[in-house]
Amino acid sequence: MKALKNVRSEMSKVKWPDKKYMVKYSVACFGMTIFLALYFYGLNVLMAFLKGLR
């Protein structure tokens, strides 16, 4: 039981991010993920097209 008390004590010391911060960086993360997915998809289509020309 002492371990659970220690966990509760440590969790109260954690500085949780506020909503504005979380939304800002979540949108940035999703945006970058979509951008990279489209970039690599485009490279894949381009390589397939170039391979088909031979």
Protein backbone atom coordinates (compact mmCIF):
# COMPACT_ATOMS: atom_id res chain seq x y z
CA MET A 1 0.00 0.00 0.00
CA LYS A 2 2.96 2.29 0.57
CA ALA A 3 3.79 2.07 -3.13
CA LEU A 4 0.31 3.35 -4.07
CA LYS A 5 0.69 6.27 -1.67
CA ASN A 6 4.03 7.08 -3.28
CA VAL A 7 2.45 6.96 -6.73
CA ARG A 8 -0.32 9.31 -5.62
CA SER A 9 2.26 11.65 -4.12
CA GLU A 10 4.35 11.70 -7.30
CA MET A 11 1.31 12.16 -9.56
CA SER A 12 0.32 15.27 -7.62
CA LYS A 13 3.73 16.77 -8.54
CA VAL A 14 3.21 16.28 -12.27
CA LYS A 15 2.58 19.49 -14.22
CA TRP A 16 -0.11 18.56 -16.71
CA PRO A 17 -0.34 20.60 -19.94
CA ASP A 18 -3.31 22.90 -20.41
CA LYS A 19 -5.94 22.46 -23.12
CA LYS A 20 -4.60 25.21 -25.40
CA TYR A 21 -1.13 23.64 -25.42
CA MET A 22 -2.49 20.15 -26.12
CA VAL A 23 -4.71 21.31 -28.99
CA LYS A 24 -1.89 23.33 -30.55
CA TYR A 25 0.61 20.49 -30.59
CA SER A 26 -1.95 17.80 -31.44
CA VAL A 27 -2.97 19.76 -34.56
CA ALA A 28 0.69 20.25 -35.47
CA CYS A 29 1.36 16.54 -35.04
CA PHE A 30 -1.65 15.45 -37.11
CA GLY A 31 -0.84 18.04 -39.77
CA MET A 32 2.74 16.84 -40.10
CA THR A 33 1.59 13.22 -40.22
CA ILE A 34 -0.84 13.96 -43.05
CA PHE A 35 1.77 16.01 -44.90
CA LEU A 36 4.37 13.23 -44.69
CA ALA A 37 1.82 10.57 -45.69
CA LEU A 38 0.89 12.56 -48.80
CA TYR A 39 4.56 13.27 -49.57
CA PHE A 40 5.54 9.60 -49.46
CA TYR A 41 2.40 8.60 -51.35
CA GLY A 42 3.38 11.07 -54.07
CA LEU A 43 6.90 9.66 -54.19
CA ASN A 44 5.48 6.17 -54.47
CA VAL A 45 3.19 7.16 -57.34
CA LEU A 46 6.05 8.97 -59.09
CA MET A 47 8.38 5.98 -58.77
CA ALA A 48 5.68 3.63 -60.05
CA PHE A 49 5.06 5.94 -63.00
CA LEU A 50 8.78 6.17 -63.82
CA LYS A 51 9.17 2.40 -63.51
CA GLY A 52 6.27 1.93 -65.94
CA LEU A 53 8.00 4.05 -68.60
CA ARG A 54 10.80 1.54 -69.08
